[in-house]
Amino acid sequence: MRLPENTIARFQTHMPDAFSLPDLWRVLRKLANRGGRKLMILAMTLFHCLNDPATPAWAKSVIVGALGYLIFPLDFIPDAILGAGFTDDWSVILGAVATVATHIKDEHKAKATAAADRFLGGGKNTDADPSSGRET
């Protein structure tokens, strides 16, 4: 996925070493391998919200902080701890989603689900339906 050069650059000044697209993709692959499809979809939803020109700067800074925390390997609970490693990441991502919820559009959810389907090779019946916000 290609982004305009200035989309992320403005926000990297706040977290220059904690947020990068290659690191985001690396962590998302790791999540997918560990069965973190729902977390992946939420992270991708935030990513698509970040790239929406209609999203205000304060919301984008919250999103960059959450995605930066997700990809930073040395967080409160190390990601290498099986079963518990991503619980703190879940908390941060869910907090960011709750904080910027009014700026998350159905199109962001649909793009995130489509990206997860492409990335993982298809959907699963146990995941959230992006159009309704309910589990299927």
C-alpha atoms as a PDB file:
ATOM      1  CA  MET A   1       0.000   0.000   0.000  1.00  0.00           C
ATOM      2  CA  ARG A   2       1.450   3.330  -1.054  1.00  0.00           C
ATOM      3  CA  LEU A   3       0.887   6.490   0.948  1.00  0.00           C
ATOM      4  CA  PRO A   4       1.602  10.070   0.072  1.00  0.00           C
ATOM      5  CA  GLU A   5       4.994  11.007   1.499  1.00  0.00           C
ATOM      6  CA  ASN A   6       3.590  13.752   3.738  1.00  0.00           C
ATOM      7  CA  THR A   7       0.808  11.635   5.293  1.00  0.00           C
ATOM      8  CA  ILE A   8       2.973   9.988   7.925  1.00  0.00           C
ATOM      9  CA  ALA A   9       5.954  12.351   7.903  1.00  0.00           C
ATOM     10  CA  ARG A  10       4.132  15.074   9.863  1.00  0.00           C
ATOM     11  CA  PHE A  11       3.409  12.656  12.693  1.00  0.00           C
ATOM     12  CA  GLN A  12       6.782  10.934  12.764  1.00  0.00           C
ATOM     13  CA  THR A  13       8.215  14.029  14.414  1.00  0.00           C
ATOM     14  CA  HIS A  14       6.294  13.043  17.564  1.00  0.00           C
ATOM     15  CA  MET A  15       7.373   9.395  17.535  1.00  0.00           C
ATOM     16  CA  PRO A  16      10.204   9.147  14.982  1.00  0.00           C
ATOM     17  CA  ASP A  17      11.495   5.757  16.084  1.00  0.00           C
ATOM     18  CA  ALA A  18       8.234   4.192  17.213  1.00  0.00           C
ATOM     19  CA  PHE A  19       6.113   4.431  14.064  1.00  0.00           C
ATOM     20  CA  SER A  20       7.053   3.235  10.620  1.00  0.00           C
ATOM     21  CA  LEU A  21       5.096   1.480   7.912  1.00  0.00           C
ATOM     22  CA  PRO A  22       7.528  -1.455   7.562  1.00  0.00           C
ATOM     23  CA  ASP A  23       7.306  -2.081  11.313  1.00  0.00           C
ATOM     24  CA  LEU A  24       3.507  -1.848  11.212  1.00  0.00           C
ATOM     25  CA  TRP A  25       3.336  -4.506   8.461  1.00  0.00           C
ATOM     26  CA  ARG A  26       5.829  -6.704  10.354  1.00  0.00           C
ATOM     27  CA  VAL A  27       3.751  -6.595  13.529  1.00  0.00           C
ATOM     28  CA  LEU A  28       0.504  -7.150  11.635  1.00  0.00           C
ATOM     29  CA  ARG A  29       1.987 -10.298  10.076  1.00  0.00           C
ATOM     30  CA  LYS A  30       3.001 -11.473  13.538  1.00  0.00           C
ATOM     31  CA  LEU A  31      -0.520 -10.792  14.816  1.00  0.00           C
ATOM     32  CA  ALA A  32      -2.027 -12.717  11.939  1.00  0.00           C
ATOM     33  CA  ASN A  33       0.199 -15.685  12.682  1.00  0.00           C
ATOM     34  CA  ARG A  34      -0.896 -15.648  16.313  1.00  0.00           C
ATOM     35  CA  GLY A  35      -4.611 -15.483  15.541  1.00  0.00           C
ATOM     36  CA  GLY A  36      -4.974 -11.760  16.202  1.00  0.00           C
ATOM     37  CA  ARG A  37      -7.360 -11.102  13.304  1.00  0.00           C
ATOM     38  CA  LYS A  38      -9.642  -8.814  15.317  1.00  0.00           C
ATOM     39  CA  LEU A  39      -6.728  -6.752  16.621  1.00  0.00           C
ATOM     40  CA  MET A  40      -5.366  -6.586  13.095  1.00  0.00           C
ATOM     41  CA  ILE A  41      -8.683  -5.285  11.761  1.00  0.00           C
ATOM     42  CA  LEU A  42      -8.878  -2.640  14.495  1.00  0.00           C
ATOM     43  CA  ALA A  43      -5.296  -1.548  13.823  1.00  0.00           C
ATOM     44  CA  MET A  44      -5.986  -1.367  10.090  1.00  0.00           C
ATOM     45  CA  THR A  45      -9.197   0.581  10.758  1.00  0.00           C
ATOM     46  CA  LEU A  46      -7.152   3.124  12.694  1.00  0.00           C
ATOM     47  CA  PHE A  47      -4.603   3.168   9.872  1.00  0.00           C
ATOM     48  CA  HIS A  48      -7.282   3.976   7.286  1.00  0.00           C
ATOM     49  CA  CYS A  49      -8.750   6.637   9.590  1.00  0.00           C
ATOM     50  CA  LEU A  50      -5.241   8.126   9.889  1.00  0.00           C
ATOM     51  CA  ASN A  51      -5.020   8.459   6.124  1.00  0.00           C
ATOM     52  CA  ASP A  52      -8.431  10.113   5.768  1.00  0.00           C
ATOM     53  CA  PRO A  53      -8.003  13.857   5.115  1.00  0.00           C
ATOM     54  CA  ALA A  54     -11.192  14.494   7.098  1.00  0.00           C
ATOM     55  CA  THR A  55      -9.680  13.103  10.307  1.00  0.00           C
ATOM     56  CA  PRO A  56      -8.531  15.976  12.551  1.00  0.00           C
ATOM     57  CA  ALA A  57      -4.888  16.300  13.569  1.00  0.00           C
ATOM     58  CA  TRP A  58      -5.555  15.530  17.253  1.00  0.00           C
ATOM     59  CA  ALA A  59      -7.216  12.225  16.286  1.00  0.00           C
ATOM     60  CA  LYS A  60      -4.334  11.380  13.951  1.00  0.00           C
ATOM     61  CA  SER A  61      -1.863  11.941  16.776  1.00  0.00           C
ATOM     62  CA  VAL A  62      -3.849   9.529  19.000  1.00  0.00           C
ATOM     63  CA  ILE A  63      -3.811   6.961  16.191  1.00  0.00           C
ATOM     64  CA  VAL A  64      -0.072   7.348  15.560  1.00  0.00           C
ATOM     65  CA  GLY A  65       0.550   6.895  19.287  1.00  0.00           C
ATOM     66  CA  ALA A  66      -1.549   3.725  19.424  1.00  0.00           C
ATOM     67  CA  LEU A  67      -0.031   2.224  16.280  1.00  0.00           C
ATOM     68  CA  GLY A  68       3.427   3.201  17.523  1.00  0.00           C
ATOM     69  CA  TYR A  69       2.754   1.388  20.800  1.00  0.00           C
ATOM     70  CA  LEU A  70       1.521  -1.643  18.877  1.00  0.00           C
ATOM     71  CA  ILE A  71       4.733  -1.984  16.884  1.00  0.00           C
ATOM     72  CA  PHE A  72       7.150  -1.040  19.668  1.00  0.00           C
ATOM     73  CA  PRO A  73       8.540  -4.378  20.947  1.00  0.00           C
ATOM     74  CA  LEU A  74       9.411  -3.209  24.469  1.00  0.00           C
ATOM     75  CA  ASP A  75       6.069  -2.274  25.931  1.00  0.00           C
ATOM     76  CA  PHE A  76       4.390  -2.925  29.287  1.00  0.00           C
ATOM     77  CA  ILE A  77       3.865  -6.646  28.588  1.00  0.00           C
ATOM     78  CA  PRO A  78       6.470  -7.908  26.088  1.00  0.00           C
ATOM     79  CA  ASP A  79       4.874  -9.220  22.904  1.00  0.00           C
ATOM     80  CA  ALA A  80       6.985 -12.388  23.060  1.00  0.00           C
ATOM     81  CA  ILE A  81       4.972 -13.659  26.043  1.00  0.00           C
ATOM     82  CA  LEU A  82       2.474 -16.049  24.480  1.00  0.00           C
ATOM     83  CA  GLY A  83      -1.118 -15.509  25.530  1.00  0.00           C
ATOM     84  CA  ALA A  84      -0.487 -12.271  27.367  1.00  0.00           C
ATOM     85  CA  GLY A  85       1.912 -10.376  25.120  1.00  0.00           C
ATOM     86  CA  PHE A  86      -0.686  -8.467  23.165  1.00  0.00           C
ATOM     87  CA  THR A  87      -3.131  -7.699  26.002  1.00  0.00           C
ATOM     88  CA  ASP A  88      -1.627  -4.288  26.641  1.00  0.00           C
ATOM     89  CA  ASP A  89      -1.617  -3.629  22.889  1.00  0.00           C
ATOM     90  CA  TRP A  90      -5.329  -4.510  22.811  1.00  0.00           C
ATOM     91  CA  SER A  91      -5.942  -1.977  25.570  1.00  0.00           C
ATOM     92  CA  VAL A  92      -4.111   0.785  23.755  1.00  0.00           C
ATOM     93  CA  ILE A  93      -5.788   0.048  20.395  1.00  0.00           C
ATOM     94  CA  LEU A  94      -9.246  -0.158  21.988  1.00  0.00           C
ATOM     95  CA  GLY A  95      -8.604   3.088  23.856  1.00  0.00           C
ATOM     96  CA  ALA A  96      -7.612   4.794  20.614  1.00  0.00           C
ATOM     97  CA  VAL A  97     -10.685   3.406  18.821  1.00  0.00           C
ATOM     98  CA  ALA A  98     -12.912   4.691  21.623  1.00  0.00           C
ATOM     99  CA  THR A  99     -11.198   8.082  21.587  1.00  0.00           C
ATOM    100  CA  VAL A 100     -11.503   8.643  17.836  1.00  0.00           C
ATOM    101  CA  ALA A 101     -14.710   6.626  17.286  1.00  0.00           C
ATOM    102  CA  THR A 102     -16.646   9.579  15.887  1.00  0.00           C
ATOM    103  CA  HIS A 103     -14.077   9.866  13.088  1.00  0.00           C
ATOM    104  CA  ILE A 104     -14.053   6.178  12.137  1.00  0.00           C
ATOM    105  CA  LYS A 105     -16.215   5.663   9.077  1.00  0.00           C
ATOM    106  CA  ASP A 106     -17.769   2.522   7.662  1.00  0.00           C
ATOM    107  CA  GLU A 107     -15.393   2.827   4.703  1.00  0.00           C
ATOM    108  CA  HIS A 108     -12.410   2.630   7.095  1.00  0.00           C
ATOM    109  CA  LYS A 109     -13.835  -0.574   8.580  1.00  0.00           C
ATOM    110  CA  ALA A 110     -14.561  -2.044   5.155  1.00  0.00           C
ATOM    111  CA  LYS A 111     -11.055  -1.242   3.886  1.00  0.00           C
ATOM    112  CA  ALA A 112      -9.538  -2.769   7.022  1.00  0.00           C
ATOM    113  CA  THR A 113     -11.551  -5.961   6.665  1.00  0.00           C
ATOM    114  CA  ALA A 114     -10.694  -6.204   2.959  1.00  0.00           C
ATOM    115  CA  ALA A 115      -7.001  -5.709   3.758  1.00  0.00           C
ATOM    116  CA  ALA A 116      -7.155  -8.410   6.442  1.00  0.00           C
ATOM    117  CA  ASP A 117      -8.862 -10.748   3.972  1.00  0.00           C
ATOM    118  CA  ARG A 118      -6.131 -10.113   1.400  1.00  0.00           C
ATOM    119  CA  PHE A 119      -3.406 -10.438   4.012  1.00  0.00           C
ATOM    120  CA  LEU A 120      -4.785 -13.610   5.615  1.00  0.00           C
ATOM    121  CA  GLY A 121      -6.340 -15.182   2.538  1.00  0.00           C
ATOM    122  CA  GLY A 122     -10.028 -14.812   3.380  1.00  0.00           C
ATOM    123  CA  GLY A 123     -12.501 -13.963   6.095  1.00  0.00           C
ATOM    124  CA  LYS A 124     -13.667 -15.970   9.065  1.00  0.00           C
ATOM    125  CA  ASN A 125     -17.176 -16.230  10.439  1.00  0.00           C
ATOM    126  CA  THR A 126     -16.089 -15.289  13.945  1.00  0.00           C
ATOM    127  CA  ASP A 127     -14.993 -11.770  13.099  1.00  0.00           C
ATOM    128  CA  ALA A 128     -16.821  -8.489  13.404  1.00  0.00           C
ATOM    129  CA  ASP A 129     -18.979  -7.391  10.502  1.00  0.00           C
ATOM    130  CA  PRO A 130     -17.561  -3.961   9.595  1.00  0.00           C
ATOM    131  CA  SER A 131     -20.904  -2.596   8.475  1.00  0.00           C
ATOM    132  CA  SER A 132     -22.807  -3.389  11.646  1.00  0.00           C
ATOM    133  CA  GLY A 133     -20.141  -3.368  14.334  1.00  0.00           C
ATOM    134  CA  ARG A 134     -21.539  -6.688  15.585  1.00  0.00           C
ATOM    135  CA  GLU A 135     -20.000 -10.106  15.598  1.00  0.00           C
ATOM    136  CA  THR A 136     -21.199 -12.545  12.958  1.00  0.00           C
END
